[in-house]
C-alpha cells in the first residue's frame, strides 16, 4: 500500500512497536521501533488486548486509570470493551485519532508469528487515507496475514 507497517507486542499496559517500516509517501504516519503507546489508545494494543479475557482487560483498564495524571484522560471501560468486541467479531480494528491526532491504523493479529508472545500487525496512514481506503487496507492486511500464516508470504506483503 505504501503506508507505514507496524508490528507490535504488549509490554505491560502499553503497546510497543517492535518493528516499523515507515511509508515513503510525502504525507505519512511516522513511527519508530521501540515506541511505547497506551495499549487502549492504539489499534495494535486493542488487537492484543482482545486475546485476554474480559476480567483481565477490566483490571488493566483500572490500572491504566490509576496511573493517569489527568482525570479527563481516563479510559472508559464500556468504550474499550465495545472496541474489543469489534476486534473479536471482525478479526481486525480500524482506529483514528487515538494515539496520534490525524492518523489511523488498521490492525489484526499476526497468526503463527515467530514469537511465543502474541503479535499484532497494522497499516498506519493519515486518517483521510484510512477512511478513503479502508476496505482495500483491511483486505490487503488480512490477505498478507493469511499468506504469512500458511507460509506463502512474500517480502512485499503491504
Protein backbone atom coordinates (compact mmCIF):
# COMPACT_ATOMS: atom_id res chain seq x y z
CA UNK A 1 0.00 0.00 0.00
CA UNK A 2 3.00 2.28 0.51
CA UNK A 3 1.80 3.14 4.02
CA UNK A 4 3.53 2.56 7.35
CA UNK A 5 3.56 -1.04 8.61
CA UNK A 6 3.75 -1.68 12.36
CA UNK A 7 4.50 -4.89 14.25
CA UNK A 8 3.77 -4.72 17.96
CA UNK A 9 3.53 -6.57 21.27
CA UNK A 10 2.11 -5.80 24.68
CA UNK A 11 4.61 -4.53 27.22
CA UNK A 12 2.68 -4.31 30.48
CA UNK A 13 -0.25 -1.98 29.75
CA UNK A 14 1.39 -0.43 26.72
CA UNK A 15 1.71 -1.43 23.10
CA UNK A 16 5.32 -1.49 21.97
CA UNK A 17 6.21 -1.17 18.32
CA UNK A 18 8.97 -3.71 17.77
CA UNK A 19 9.35 -3.26 14.02
CA UNK A 20 8.26 -0.38 11.81
CA UNK A 21 8.51 0.09 8.05
CA UNK A 22 7.76 3.76 7.51
CA UNK A 23 5.87 4.96 4.47
CA UNK A 24 7.71 6.54 1.57
CA UNK A 25 4.78 8.85 0.83
CA UNK A 26 5.11 12.60 1.43
CA UNK A 27 2.15 12.73 3.81
CA UNK A 28 2.75 9.83 6.18
CA UNK A 29 2.38 8.38 9.63
CA UNK A 30 5.95 8.28 11.03
CA UNK A 31 6.85 5.92 13.90
CA UNK A 32 9.99 4.48 15.49
CA UNK A 33 10.72 0.91 16.63
CA UNK A 34 10.66 0.71 20.41
CA UNK A 35 7.92 3.33 20.82
CA UNK A 36 5.52 2.69 23.68
CA UNK A 37 1.89 3.78 23.40
CA UNK A 38 -1.04 3.33 25.80
CA UNK A 39 -2.49 -0.03 24.78
CA UNK A 40 -6.12 1.07 24.84
CA UNK A 41 -5.36 4.08 22.64
CA UNK A 42 -3.82 2.10 19.77
CA UNK A 43 -5.12 -0.37 17.21
CA UNK A 44 -2.16 -2.67 17.97
CA UNK A 45 -2.97 -2.58 21.70
CA UNK A 46 -6.69 -3.21 21.17
CA UNK A 47 -5.99 -6.23 18.94
CA UNK A 48 -3.61 -7.69 21.50
CA UNK A 49 -5.94 -6.93 24.42
CA UNK A 50 -8.71 -8.82 22.58
CA UNK A 51 -6.74 -12.01 23.26
CA UNK A 52 -7.19 -11.53 27.02
CA UNK A 53 -10.31 -12.40 28.99
CA UNK A 54 -12.72 -9.63 29.94
CA UNK A 55 -11.87 -9.65 33.65
CA UNK A 56 -8.17 -9.21 32.89
CA UNK A 57 -8.96 -6.38 30.48
CA UNK A 58 -11.02 -4.71 33.21
CA UNK A 59 -8.08 -4.97 35.64
CA UNK A 60 -5.76 -3.49 33.01
CA UNK A 61 -8.14 -0.57 32.40
CA UNK A 62 -8.33 0.13 36.14
CA UNK A 63 -4.52 0.01 36.36
CA UNK A 64 -4.17 2.45 33.47
CA UNK A 65 -6.71 4.76 35.08
CA UNK A 66 -4.95 4.76 38.47
CA UNK A 67 -1.76 5.82 36.70
CA UNK A 68 -3.49 8.60 34.72
CA UNK A 69 -2.47 12.04 35.92
CA UNK A 70 -5.46 13.88 34.46
CA UNK A 71 -8.99 12.54 35.11
CA UNK A 72 -10.18 13.62 31.64
CA UNK A 73 -7.70 11.11 30.14
CA UNK A 74 -9.23 8.15 32.00
CA UNK A 75 -10.14 5.19 29.83
CA UNK A 76 -13.87 4.43 29.65
CA UNK A 77 -14.26 0.69 30.21
CA UNK A 78 -17.51 0.43 28.22
CA UNK A 79 -15.90 2.10 25.18
CA UNK A 80 -12.84 -0.17 25.34
CA UNK A 81 -14.95 -3.30 25.72
CA UNK A 82 -17.03 -2.27 22.68
CA UNK A 83 -13.82 -1.93 20.63
CA UNK A 84 -12.54 -5.27 21.97
CA UNK A 85 -15.81 -6.92 20.93
CA UNK A 86 -15.41 -5.34 17.46
CA UNK A 87 -11.96 -6.93 17.14
CA UNK A 88 -13.24 -10.31 18.29
CA UNK A 89 -16.14 -10.22 15.82
CA UNK A 90 -14.32 -8.81 12.79
CA UNK A 91 -10.76 -10.05 13.33
CA UNK A 92 -9.41 -6.51 12.92
CA UNK A 93 -9.91 -2.97 14.15
CA UNK A 94 -9.72 0.43 12.49
CA UNK A 95 -8.80 3.36 14.70
CA UNK A 96 -8.43 7.07 14.10
CA UNK A 97 -7.07 9.93 16.18
CA UNK A 98 -6.34 7.74 19.21
CA UNK A 99 -2.62 7.93 19.98
CA UNK A 100 -1.77 10.32 17.14
CA UNK A 101 -4.15 13.09 16.04
CA UNK A 102 -4.75 12.96 12.29
CA UNK A 103 -3.59 9.34 11.93
CA UNK A 104 -5.31 5.99 11.80
CA UNK A 105 -4.36 2.32 11.84
CA UNK A 106 -5.93 -0.88 10.56
CA UNK A 107 -4.64 -3.78 12.69
CA UNK A 108 -5.09 -7.52 13.19
CA UNK A 109 -3.45 -10.40 15.00
CA UNK A 110 -0.40 -11.90 13.30
CA UNK A 111 -1.16 -15.61 13.25
CA UNK A 112 1.70 -18.11 13.63
CA UNK A 113 4.19 -15.34 14.32
CA UNK A 114 7.85 -16.02 15.07
CA UNK A 115 7.37 -15.34 18.78
CA UNK A 116 5.57 -17.14 21.58
CA UNK A 117 4.12 -13.73 22.50
CA UNK A 118 1.04 -12.60 20.57
CA UNK A 119 1.95 -10.11 17.85
CA UNK A 120 -0.27 -7.61 16.08
CA UNK A 121 0.39 -6.01 12.72
CA UNK A 122 -1.09 -2.84 11.35
CA UNK A 123 -1.06 -0.40 8.47
CA UNK A 124 -0.90 3.23 9.56
CA UNK A 125 -1.63 6.30 7.49
CA UNK A 126 -3.08 9.78 7.73
CA UNK A 127 -6.73 9.47 8.75
CA UNK A 128 -8.19 10.62 5.39
CA UNK A 129 -6.27 7.84 3.60
CA UNK A 130 -7.52 5.26 6.12
CA UNK A 131 -11.15 6.38 5.62
CA UNK A 132 -10.88 6.52 1.82
CA UNK A 133 -9.18 3.14 1.50
CA UNK A 134 -10.40 1.16 4.49
CA UNK A 135 -11.83 -1.78 2.50
CA UNK A 136 -8.64 -2.08 0.46
CA UNK A 137 -6.42 -1.75 3.56
CA UNK A 138 -8.39 -4.37 5.51
CA UNK A 139 -8.36 -6.77 2.56
CA UNK A 140 -4.63 -6.23 1.97
CA UNK A 141 -3.75 -6.69 5.64
CA UNK A 142 -5.89 -9.80 6.17
CA UNK A 143 -4.63 -11.34 2.93
CA UNK A 144 -0.99 -10.73 3.89
CA UNK A 145 -1.52 -12.19 7.38
CA UNK A 146 -3.25 -15.27 5.96
CA UNK A 147 -0.43 -15.79 3.46
CA UNK A 148 2.10 -15.44 6.27
CA UNK A 149 0.18 -17.93 8.45
CA UNK A 150 0.26 -20.52 5.67
CA UNK A 151 3.91 -19.84 4.77
CA UNK A 152 3.12 -18.23 1.41
CA UNK A 153 4.02 -14.62 2.23
CA UNK A 154 6.28 -12.50 0.08
CA UNK A 155 8.66 -9.79 1.22
CA UNK A 156 6.27 -7.11 -0.09
CA UNK A 157 3.10 -8.03 1.81
CA UNK A 158 1.87 -4.49 2.42
